[in-house]
Amino acid sequence: MILSLLKQNKTPIGELDQLDNCYITELLETGEDTLSFEIYVKHPLYKDLIEENLILTDHNRYVIKSID
């Protein structure tokens, strides 16, 4: 799965690769889905993973709401 990272104003930042445990969960009651993944702190785009930035997949758009 290719994940594209964008700023809040939809300016492209780059593509996220080398991710571990990347998966999508969907709540059957609401249809809402959540994208989860692990990324190394040394990844070049790690610093750009901030709340309210966007992640695009081939099928959906996700807003970063929390970083654990």
N, C-alpha and C. Protein backbone atom coordinates (compact mmCIF):
# COMPACT_ATOMS: atom_id res chain seq x y z
N MET A 1 0.85 -1.17 0.00
CA MET A 1 0.00 0.00 0.00
C MET A 1 0.90 1.24 0.00
N ILE A 2 0.62 2.14 -0.91
CA ILE A 2 1.38 3.39 -0.98
C ILE A 2 0.62 4.45 -0.19
N LEU A 3 1.35 5.11 0.71
CA LEU A 3 0.77 6.18 1.52
C LEU A 3 1.46 7.49 1.16
N SER A 4 0.69 8.46 0.75
CA SER A 4 1.22 9.78 0.42
C SER A 4 0.91 10.73 1.57
N LEU A 5 1.93 11.47 2.00
CA LEU A 5 1.78 12.41 3.11
C LEU A 5 1.65 13.81 2.55
N LEU A 6 0.62 14.54 3.03
CA LEU A 6 0.38 15.90 2.59
C LEU A 6 0.24 16.82 3.80
N LYS A 7 0.59 18.08 3.59
CA LYS A 7 0.37 19.09 4.63
C LYS A 7 -1.12 19.38 4.73
N GLN A 8 -1.50 20.15 5.73
CA GLN A 8 -2.91 20.50 5.94
C GLN A 8 -3.50 21.22 4.73
N ASN A 9 -2.68 21.98 4.02
CA ASN A 9 -3.17 22.71 2.84
C ASN A 9 -3.09 21.86 1.57
N LYS A 10 -2.87 20.55 1.72
CA LYS A 10 -2.83 19.55 0.65
C LYS A 10 -1.58 19.63 -0.22
N THR A 11 -0.54 20.30 0.26
CA THR A 11 0.74 20.33 -0.44
C THR A 11 1.45 19.00 -0.19
N PRO A 12 1.85 18.28 -1.24
CA PRO A 12 2.53 17.00 -1.05
C PRO A 12 3.86 17.14 -0.31
N ILE A 13 4.11 16.21 0.60
CA ILE A 13 5.37 16.16 1.33
C ILE A 13 6.22 15.01 0.83
N GLY A 14 5.62 13.84 0.65
CA GLY A 14 6.36 12.67 0.16
C GLY A 14 5.56 11.41 0.38
N GLU A 15 6.18 10.27 0.03
CA GLU A 15 5.54 8.97 0.20
C GLU A 15 6.13 8.24 1.39
N LEU A 16 5.25 7.67 2.19
CA LEU A 16 5.69 6.89 3.35
C LEU A 16 5.95 5.46 2.90
N ASP A 17 7.13 4.99 3.18
CA ASP A 17 7.48 3.61 2.87
C ASP A 17 8.19 3.01 4.07
N GLN A 18 8.55 1.76 3.98
CA GLN A 18 9.25 1.06 5.07
C GLN A 18 8.45 1.14 6.37
N LEU A 19 7.14 0.89 6.27
CA LEU A 19 6.28 0.93 7.44
C LEU A 19 6.08 -0.49 7.97
N ASP A 20 5.96 -0.60 9.27
CA ASP A 20 5.67 -1.88 9.91
C ASP A 20 4.23 -1.88 10.39
N ASN A 21 3.61 -3.04 10.38
CA ASN A 21 2.26 -3.22 10.93
C ASN A 21 1.27 -2.20 10.38
N CYS A 22 1.26 -2.01 9.07
CA CYS A 22 0.33 -1.07 8.44
C CYS A 22 -0.99 -1.79 8.18
N TYR A 23 -2.08 -1.27 8.75
CA TYR A 23 -3.39 -1.90 8.57
C TYR A 23 -4.51 -0.88 8.75
N ILE A 24 -5.68 -1.26 8.23
CA ILE A 24 -6.87 -0.41 8.34
C ILE A 24 -7.93 -1.21 9.08
N THR A 25 -8.55 -0.56 10.08
CA THR A 25 -9.66 -1.18 10.78
C THR A 25 -10.92 -0.37 10.49
N GLU A 26 -12.05 -1.06 10.40
CA GLU A 26 -13.31 -0.39 10.10
C GLU A 26 -14.36 -0.75 11.15
N LEU A 27 -15.05 0.27 11.65
CA LEU A 27 -16.15 0.04 12.57
C LEU A 27 -17.39 -0.29 11.76
N LEU A 28 -17.94 -1.46 11.98
CA LEU A 28 -19.09 -1.90 11.20
C LEU A 28 -20.32 -1.04 11.45
N GLU A 29 -20.47 -0.51 12.66
CA GLU A 29 -21.66 0.28 13.00
C GLU A 29 -21.69 1.60 12.23
N THR A 30 -20.53 2.25 12.07
CA THR A 30 -20.49 3.58 11.48
C THR A 30 -19.83 3.62 10.11
N GLY A 31 -19.07 2.59 9.77
CA GLY A 31 -18.34 2.59 8.51
C GLY A 31 -17.05 3.40 8.58
N GLU A 32 -16.77 3.98 9.73
CA GLU A 32 -15.56 4.77 9.90
C GLU A 32 -14.36 3.85 9.98
N ASP A 33 -13.28 4.22 9.28
CA ASP A 33 -12.10 3.39 9.34
C ASP A 33 -10.90 4.17 9.86
N THR A 34 -9.93 3.42 10.37
CA THR A 34 -8.73 3.98 10.99
C THR A 34 -7.51 3.35 10.35
N LEU A 35 -6.55 4.17 9.98
CA LEU A 35 -5.28 3.71 9.44
C LEU A 35 -4.26 3.70 10.57
N SER A 36 -3.59 2.59 10.75
CA SER A 36 -2.56 2.48 11.79
C SER A 36 -1.28 1.93 11.18
N PHE A 37 -0.16 2.40 11.67
CA PHE A 37 1.13 1.87 11.21
C PHE A 37 2.21 2.27 12.20
N GLU A 38 3.36 1.61 12.07
CA GLU A 38 4.54 1.94 12.86
C GLU A 38 5.60 2.45 11.91
N ILE A 39 6.34 3.47 12.35
CA ILE A 39 7.39 4.05 11.52
C ILE A 39 8.59 4.36 12.42
N TYR A 40 9.78 4.18 11.90
CA TYR A 40 10.99 4.45 12.67
C TYR A 40 11.19 5.95 12.86
N VAL A 41 11.69 6.32 14.01
CA VAL A 41 11.95 7.73 14.31
C VAL A 41 12.96 8.31 13.33
N LYS A 42 13.84 7.49 12.81
CA LYS A 42 14.87 7.96 11.87
C LYS A 42 14.37 8.07 10.43
N HIS A 43 13.10 7.70 10.19
CA HIS A 43 12.54 7.82 8.83
C HIS A 43 12.56 9.30 8.44
N PRO A 44 12.93 9.64 7.20
CA PRO A 44 13.03 11.05 6.80
C PRO A 44 11.73 11.85 6.92
N LEU A 45 10.58 11.20 6.87
CA LEU A 45 9.30 11.92 6.97
C LEU A 45 8.69 11.86 8.36
N TYR A 46 9.35 11.24 9.30
CA TYR A 46 8.80 11.11 10.65
C TYR A 46 8.45 12.48 11.23
N LYS A 47 9.31 13.45 11.03
CA LYS A 47 9.09 14.80 11.59
C LYS A 47 7.87 15.49 10.99
N ASP A 48 7.41 15.01 9.82
CA ASP A 48 6.25 15.60 9.17
C ASP A 48 4.93 14.95 9.57
N LEU A 49 5.00 13.92 10.40
CA LEU A 49 3.77 13.28 10.89
C LEU A 49 3.25 14.08 12.07
N ILE A 50 2.50 15.11 11.76
CA ILE A 50 1.93 15.97 12.81
C ILE A 50 0.41 15.95 12.67
N GLU A 51 -0.26 16.23 13.76
CA GLU A 51 -1.72 16.21 13.76
C GLU A 51 -2.28 17.16 12.72
N GLU A 52 -3.33 16.71 12.07
CA GLU A 52 -4.09 17.41 11.03
C GLU A 52 -3.43 17.36 9.65
N ASN A 53 -2.22 16.80 9.51
CA ASN A 53 -1.71 16.53 8.17
C ASN A 53 -2.50 15.37 7.59
N LEU A 54 -2.40 15.18 6.29
CA LEU A 54 -3.21 14.19 5.59
C LEU A 54 -2.37 13.02 5.10
N ILE A 55 -2.98 11.84 5.05
CA ILE A 55 -2.37 10.67 4.44
C ILE A 55 -3.37 10.14 3.41
N LEU A 56 -2.89 9.99 2.17
CA LEU A 56 -3.74 9.47 1.10
C LEU A 56 -3.32 8.05 0.75
N THR A 57 -4.32 7.19 0.55
CA THR A 57 -4.09 5.86 0.01
C THR A 57 -4.75 5.83 -1.36
N ASP A 58 -4.72 4.68 -2.01
CA ASP A 58 -5.38 4.55 -3.30
C ASP A 58 -6.89 4.72 -3.19
N HIS A 59 -7.44 4.47 -1.99
CA HIS A 59 -8.90 4.43 -1.85
C HIS A 59 -9.48 5.43 -0.85
N ASN A 60 -8.65 6.11 -0.07
CA ASN A 60 -9.21 6.95 0.98
C ASN A 60 -8.23 8.05 1.39
N ARG A 61 -8.75 8.98 2.18
CA ARG A 61 -7.95 10.06 2.75
C ARG A 61 -8.11 10.01 4.25
N TYR A 62 -7.00 10.14 4.97
CA TYR A 62 -7.02 10.09 6.43
C TYR A 62 -6.40 11.37 6.98
N VAL A 63 -6.97 11.87 8.05
CA VAL A 63 -6.42 13.02 8.77
C VAL A 63 -5.73 12.47 10.01
N ILE A 64 -4.49 12.91 10.22
CA ILE A 64 -3.77 12.46 11.41
C ILE A 64 -4.40 13.10 12.63
N LYS A 65 -4.92 12.28 13.53
CA LYS A 65 -5.59 12.78 14.72
C LYS A 65 -4.78 12.53 16.00
N SER A 66 -3.93 11.52 15.98
CA SER A 66 -3.09 11.29 17.16
C SER A 66 -1.86 10.52 16.74
N ILE A 67 -0.80 10.71 17.51
CA ILE A 67 0.47 10.02 17.28
C ILE A 67 0.89 9.43 18.61
N ASP A 68 1.02 8.12 18.63
CA ASP A 68 1.40 7.43 19.87
C ASP A 68 2.82 6.94 19.78
